[in-house]
Protein backbone atom coordinates (compact mmCIF):
# COMPACT_ATOMS: atom_id res chain seq x y z
CA MET A 1 24.66 -1.89 -42.04
CA GLY A 2 22.64 1.29 -42.13
CA ILE A 3 22.08 1.27 -38.37
CA LEU A 4 25.76 0.49 -37.65
CA ASP A 5 26.89 3.31 -39.90
CA THR A 6 24.53 5.70 -38.12
CA ILE A 7 25.88 4.64 -34.71
CA LYS A 8 29.50 4.99 -35.85
CA ASP A 9 28.80 8.41 -37.31
CA THR A 10 27.07 9.49 -34.10
CA MET A 11 29.86 8.13 -31.86
CA SER A 12 32.42 10.11 -33.86
CA LYS A 13 30.65 13.27 -32.70
CA ALA A 14 30.83 12.26 -29.01
CA VAL A 15 33.77 14.21 -27.56
CA PHE A 16 34.78 15.51 -24.15
CA SER A 17 33.26 18.98 -23.73
CA PRO A 18 34.27 20.69 -20.43
CA SER A 19 32.49 23.86 -21.53
CA THR A 20 29.26 22.08 -20.56
CA LEU A 21 30.14 22.65 -16.89
CA MET A 22 30.66 26.37 -17.46
CA SER A 23 27.16 26.96 -18.83
CA GLY A 24 24.20 28.03 -16.70
CA ARG A 25 22.78 24.52 -16.92
CA GLY A 26 26.10 23.01 -15.85
CA GLY A 27 26.35 25.40 -12.91
CA LEU A 28 22.86 24.45 -11.76
CA HIS A 29 23.77 20.76 -11.98
CA MET A 30 26.89 21.29 -9.87
CA ALA A 31 24.86 23.23 -7.29
CA GLN A 32 22.21 20.48 -7.22
CA ILE A 33 24.78 17.73 -6.65
CA LEU A 34 26.68 19.73 -3.99
CA LEU A 35 23.61 20.85 -2.02
CA SER A 36 22.01 17.39 -2.15
CA LEU A 37 25.25 15.81 -0.93
CA VAL A 38 25.62 18.33 1.92
CA THR A 39 21.96 17.87 2.94
CA PHE A 40 22.34 14.08 2.84
CA LEU A 41 25.46 14.19 5.03
CA LEU A 42 23.91 16.66 7.50
CA ALA A 43 20.81 14.49 7.87
CA SER A 44 23.02 11.39 8.28
CA PHE A 45 25.11 13.01 11.04
CA ARG A 46 21.91 13.90 12.87
CA GLY A 47 21.34 10.20 13.36
CA GLY A 48 19.25 7.45 11.80
CA SER A 49 15.56 6.99 12.24
CA SER A 50 13.08 4.20 11.64
CA HIS A 51 10.54 6.80 10.51
CA THR A 52 9.52 6.20 6.89
CA TYR A 53 9.56 9.95 6.14
CA TRP A 54 13.24 10.08 7.14
CA ASN A 55 14.01 7.11 4.88
CA TYR A 56 12.17 8.79 2.01
CA ALA A 57 14.14 12.01 2.57
CA MET A 58 17.46 10.17 2.53
CA PHE A 59 16.47 8.31 -0.64
CA THR A 60 15.53 11.59 -2.36
CA TRP A 61 18.79 13.34 -1.42
CA ALA A 62 20.69 10.36 -2.84
CA PHE A 63 18.61 9.56 -5.94
CA CYS A 64 18.24 13.10 -7.33
CA PRO A 65 21.97 14.03 -7.34
CA ILE A 66 22.90 10.61 -8.75
CA MET A 67 20.53 11.16 -11.68
CA THR A 68 21.87 14.70 -12.10
CA LEU A 69 25.44 13.38 -12.07
CA ILE A 70 24.61 10.76 -14.73
CA ILE A 71 22.97 13.42 -16.93
CA THR A 72 25.97 15.73 -16.44
CA ILE A 73 28.50 13.03 -17.39
CA ILE A 74 26.49 12.07 -20.47
CA GLU A 75 26.34 15.69 -21.62
CA LEU A 76 29.99 16.26 -20.68
CA PHE A 77 31.09 13.59 -23.14
CA LYS A 78 28.34 14.45 -25.67
CA LEU A 79 26.91 10.93 -25.34
CA ASP A 80 23.42 12.41 -25.54
CA ILE A 81 24.01 12.56 -29.30
CA LEU A 82 23.93 8.74 -29.31
CA LEU A 83 20.90 8.53 -27.01
CA VAL A 84 18.90 10.73 -29.38
CA LEU A 85 18.63 7.62 -31.59
CA CYS A 86 16.27 5.97 -29.09
CA MET A 87 14.82 8.80 -26.96
CA ASP A 88 14.12 12.52 -26.73
CA TRP A 89 17.06 13.57 -24.53
CA GLY A 90 15.83 17.12 -23.94
CA ASP A 91 12.44 15.84 -22.87
CA PHE A 92 14.06 13.33 -20.50
CA THR A 93 16.36 15.85 -18.79
CA THR A 94 13.63 18.45 -18.33
CA GLY A 95 11.24 15.76 -17.07
CA MET A 96 13.84 14.54 -14.57
CA ALA A 97 14.34 18.13 -13.34
CA MET A 98 10.57 18.46 -12.86
CA SER A 99 10.42 15.11 -11.03
CA SER A 100 13.40 16.02 -8.84
CA THR A 101 11.76 19.35 -8.00
CA LEU A 102 8.60 17.54 -6.95
CA MET A 103 10.59 15.16 -4.72
CA THR A 104 12.92 17.72 -3.12
CA VAL A 105 10.15 20.24 -2.40
CA SER A 106 8.01 17.56 -0.73
CA VAL A 107 10.99 16.31 1.29
CA ALA A 108 11.88 19.82 2.45
CA ILE A 109 8.33 20.34 3.69
CA THR A 110 7.96 16.95 5.40
CA TYR A 111 11.43 17.06 6.96
CA GLY A 112 10.78 20.53 8.34
CA ASN A 113 7.42 19.36 9.70
CA PHE A 114 8.89 16.35 11.52
CA TYR A 115 12.37 17.45 12.58
CA ALA A 116 12.41 21.26 12.86
CA CYS A 117 11.18 22.83 16.12
CA LEU A 118 11.92 25.80 18.35
CA LYS A 119 14.62 23.86 20.23
CA CYS A 120 15.86 21.82 17.24
CA LEU A 121 18.60 24.02 15.74
CA TYR A 122 20.21 21.17 13.83
CA GLY A 123 16.83 20.21 12.36
CA TRP A 124 16.44 23.79 11.11
CA ILE A 125 19.89 23.70 9.49
CA VAL A 126 19.02 20.53 7.58
CA THR A 127 15.64 21.98 6.61
CA ILE A 128 17.27 25.17 5.24
CA PHE A 129 19.65 23.13 3.10
CA ALA A 130 16.71 20.96 1.99
CA PHE A 131 14.86 24.05 0.74
CA LEU A 132 18.03 25.34 -0.98
CA CYS A 133 18.30 21.96 -2.70
CA ALA A 134 14.67 22.22 -3.83
CA LEU A 135 15.31 25.79 -5.03
CA VAL A 136 18.13 24.89 -7.43
CA TYR A 137 16.04 22.10 -8.97
CA THR A 138 13.14 24.53 -9.34
CA LEU A 139 15.46 27.04 -11.05
CA GLU A 140 16.38 24.43 -13.66
CA VAL A 141 12.70 23.81 -14.42
CA VAL A 142 12.11 27.58 -14.70
CA LYS A 143 15.11 27.87 -17.03
CA ASP A 144 14.00 24.98 -19.26
CA LYS A 145 10.27 25.66 -19.43
CA ILE A 146 10.07 29.48 -19.18
CA LEU A 147 13.41 30.97 -20.27
CA ASP A 148 14.45 28.39 -22.89
CA LYS A 149 10.81 27.47 -23.68
CA LYS A 150 11.60 23.79 -24.21
CA LYS A 151 8.72 21.71 -25.51
CA GLY A 152 8.39 18.26 -23.98
CA SER A 153 7.40 15.24 -26.05
CA TYR A 154 6.28 13.10 -23.09
CA LEU A 155 7.99 13.26 -19.69
CA ALA A 156 8.30 17.06 -19.69
CA ALA A 157 4.82 17.42 -21.22
CA LEU A 158 1.55 17.12 -19.33
CA PRO A 159 0.72 13.43 -20.13
CA GLY A 160 4.07 12.12 -18.90
CA PHE A 161 4.41 14.41 -15.91
CA TRP A 162 0.83 13.54 -14.92
CA LYS A 163 1.96 9.90 -14.66
CA VAL A 164 4.94 11.05 -12.59
CA MET A 165 2.58 12.86 -10.18
CA GLU A 166 0.41 9.73 -9.88
CA ALA A 167 3.51 7.67 -9.05
CA PHE A 168 4.73 10.36 -6.62
CA VAL A 169 1.43 10.48 -4.72
CA SER A 170 1.44 6.67 -4.59
CA CYS A 171 4.92 6.80 -3.02
CA MET A 172 3.71 9.30 -0.41
CA ILE A 173 0.80 6.98 0.40
CA PHE A 174 3.20 4.06 0.94
CA VAL A 175 5.45 6.23 3.11
CA SER A 176 2.44 7.21 5.25
CA LEU A 177 0.78 3.79 5.59
CA THR A 178 0.31 2.73 9.20
CA GLY A 179 -2.29 1.05 11.39
CA TYR A 180 -3.74 -1.24 8.72
CA ARG A 181 -2.45 -4.60 9.97
CA ASP A 182 -5.00 -7.12 11.30
CA ARG A 183 -7.74 -5.28 9.38
CA PRO A 184 -8.66 -7.24 6.23
CA VAL A 185 -10.52 -4.39 4.52
CA LEU A 186 -7.62 -1.97 5.05
CA ILE A 187 -5.21 -4.61 3.73
CA LEU A 188 -7.38 -4.73 0.59
CA CYS A 189 -6.97 -0.95 0.36
CA VAL A 190 -3.19 -1.38 0.51
CA ILE A 191 -3.42 -3.96 -2.29
CA ALA A 192 -5.47 -1.42 -4.28
CA TYR A 193 -2.64 1.09 -3.82
CA ILE A 194 0.01 -1.47 -4.81
CA ILE A 195 -1.53 -2.79 -8.06
CA PRO A 196 -1.23 0.37 -10.22
CA PHE A 197 2.12 1.51 -8.80
CA PRO A 198 4.66 -0.79 -10.58
CA ILE A 199 2.87 -0.33 -13.90
CA LEU A 200 3.28 3.47 -13.86
CA PRO A 201 7.11 3.48 -14.22
CA LEU A 202 6.84 0.87 -16.98
CA ILE A 203 4.42 3.10 -18.91
CA ILE A 204 6.70 6.11 -18.38
CA ALA A 205 9.86 4.24 -19.44
CA THR A 206 8.19 2.73 -22.52
CA ASN A 207 6.97 6.14 -23.70
CA ILE A 208 10.43 7.64 -23.16
CA LEU A 209 12.16 4.89 -25.15
CA LYS A 210 10.49 5.38 -28.53
CA LYS A 211 12.20 2.37 -30.14
CA LEU A 212 10.94 0.05 -27.40
CA LYS A 213 7.41 1.36 -27.78
CA LYS A 214 7.42 0.46 -31.48
CA CYS A 215 8.51 -3.11 -30.68
CA LEU A 216 5.59 -3.87 -28.34
CA PRO A 217 3.22 -6.59 -29.60
CA PHE A 218 0.20 -4.58 -28.39
CA ASN A 219 -1.14 -1.05 -28.58
CA LEU A 220 0.36 0.84 -25.62
CA ASP A 221 -2.24 3.62 -25.70
CA ARG A 222 -5.06 1.07 -25.45
CA PHE A 223 -3.24 -0.65 -22.58
CA VAL A 224 -2.91 2.70 -20.78
CA PHE A 225 -6.63 3.31 -21.16
CA ILE A 226 -7.47 -0.10 -19.60
CA PHE A 227 -4.92 0.56 -16.85
CA LEU A 228 -6.53 3.93 -16.03
CA VAL A 229 -10.02 2.39 -15.82
CA ILE A 230 -8.77 -0.29 -13.40
CA SER A 231 -6.82 2.28 -11.37
CA VAL A 232 -9.88 4.52 -10.98
CA VAL A 233 -11.97 1.56 -9.80
CA LEU A 234 -9.29 0.55 -7.27
CA TYR A 235 -8.94 4.07 -5.90
CA VAL A 236 -12.71 4.51 -5.65
CA PHE A 237 -12.76 1.36 -3.50
CA ALA A 238 -9.89 2.65 -1.32
CA ALA A 239 -11.40 6.16 -1.08
CA ILE A 240 -14.58 4.67 0.35
CA MET A 241 -13.19 1.91 2.55
CA TRP A 242 -10.09 3.52 4.09
CA PRO A 243 -11.89 6.43 5.84
CA ILE A 244 -14.79 4.23 6.98
CA PHE A 245 -12.75 1.42 8.53
CA MET A 246 -9.86 3.58 9.74
CA PHE A 247 -11.77 6.40 11.42
CA ARG A 248 -14.96 4.68 12.56
CA ASN A 249 -14.91 4.89 16.39
CA ASN A 250 -11.48 6.49 16.03
CA PRO A 251 -11.81 10.29 16.48
CA ARG A 252 -8.79 12.54 16.47
CA PRO A 253 -7.09 12.55 19.90
CA SER A 254 -7.07 15.83 21.79
CA ASP A 255 -3.25 15.71 22.07
CA CYS A 256 -2.49 15.11 18.41
CA PRO A 257 0.38 17.26 17.10
CA PRO A 258 0.69 17.14 13.30
CA SER A 259 4.29 15.92 13.40
CA PHE A 260 4.13 12.73 15.46
CA CYS A 261 0.45 11.83 15.64
CA ILE A 262 -0.47 8.46 14.11
CA TRP A 263 -4.05 9.63 13.52
CA ALA A 264 -2.83 12.61 11.47
CA ILE A 265 -0.64 10.34 9.32
CA GLN A 266 -3.59 7.97 8.78
CA PHE A 267 -5.65 10.98 7.74
CA MET A 268 -2.88 11.93 5.30
CA VAL A 269 -3.31 8.52 3.62
CA ALA A 270 -7.04 9.23 3.16
CA PHE A 271 -6.31 12.71 1.78
CA LEU A 272 -3.67 11.42 -0.66
CA THR A 273 -6.07 8.67 -1.76
CA TYR A 274 -8.53 11.32 -2.90
CA VAL A 275 -5.73 13.29 -4.56
CA ASN A 276 -4.65 10.27 -6.60
CA LEU A 277 -8.26 9.38 -7.38
CA ILE A 278 -8.68 12.86 -8.87
CA LEU A 279 -5.40 12.52 -10.83
CA PHE A 280 -6.34 9.12 -12.27
CA THR A 281 -9.88 10.27 -13.08
CA LEU A 282 -8.69 13.40 -14.89
CA ASP A 283 -6.07 11.31 -16.68
CA LEU A 284 -8.83 8.98 -17.89
CA ILE A 285 -11.07 11.89 -18.96
CA PHE A 286 -8.24 13.65 -20.81
CA THR A 287 -7.36 10.38 -22.54
CA LEU A 288 -10.97 9.77 -23.60
CA LEU A 289 -11.33 13.30 -24.96
CA GLY A 290 -7.83 13.53 -26.40
CA ILE A 291 -7.15 16.98 -24.93
CA CYS A 292 -4.07 18.64 -23.36
CA ASP A 293 -1.74 16.50 -25.52
CA PHE A 294 -3.20 13.26 -24.15
CA LYS A 295 -3.55 10.62 -26.86
CA ARG A 296 -7.14 9.67 -27.50
CA THR A 297 -7.77 5.93 -27.39
């Protein structure tokens, strides 16, 4: 009955609070939702594309405002008081703002690179709105981390956000993958990229939900350590094999613009492979040494 009484007592405090929308945080949330929606609609009216970067941009401009809307509704009705029982709500919201900033900034840059040109006025309009969208998410992170000096427990702290960056770089690798079919070694590299990816969100979610973490039949920190060792080995393999088998007898063409050149996108995969290898390696080192708030295993 103790748990039920706690829930009832917490629910009694959950009331509709319109003043939430009038605060600086509420204003930023409204701006984020509005600008993301406008950018999404503008990009949609421009016309569809089979390009994976366009699909990623559309997903970002839909996912980020939806998450912001959910957070706003929860805070509007003070339901975050109930969620505090199982998670650090402040850490989650700040972490989501940091993740959304990462996604919207990357989308603004890639969209501008692919669809903005001297004769592409509409592409420039969408790009401008994309950067405005990224700006309002960045302002929320600045407000939370610098002005309000919020301390993160996981997602908004270095260990959790490091996992978010690893997952983000993995997504960018998947978006950029091309030219690997009918090449067994490159297919193995793709498998090496795939194996760690679904485990990362599970690790992040389990660390956010403190109650769930306590119910696990195994030590999560030890599991994370084993996962990092395997991930480093997989990315070392991909970092060696992808450049060798992709670029051997395949020099950069003389007419290779950065926007629509397959070779440049294949090179981006190699570059991002090394970026994620560095991230996973540093993650493993920090975990072994127990520094920068990483839990020593």
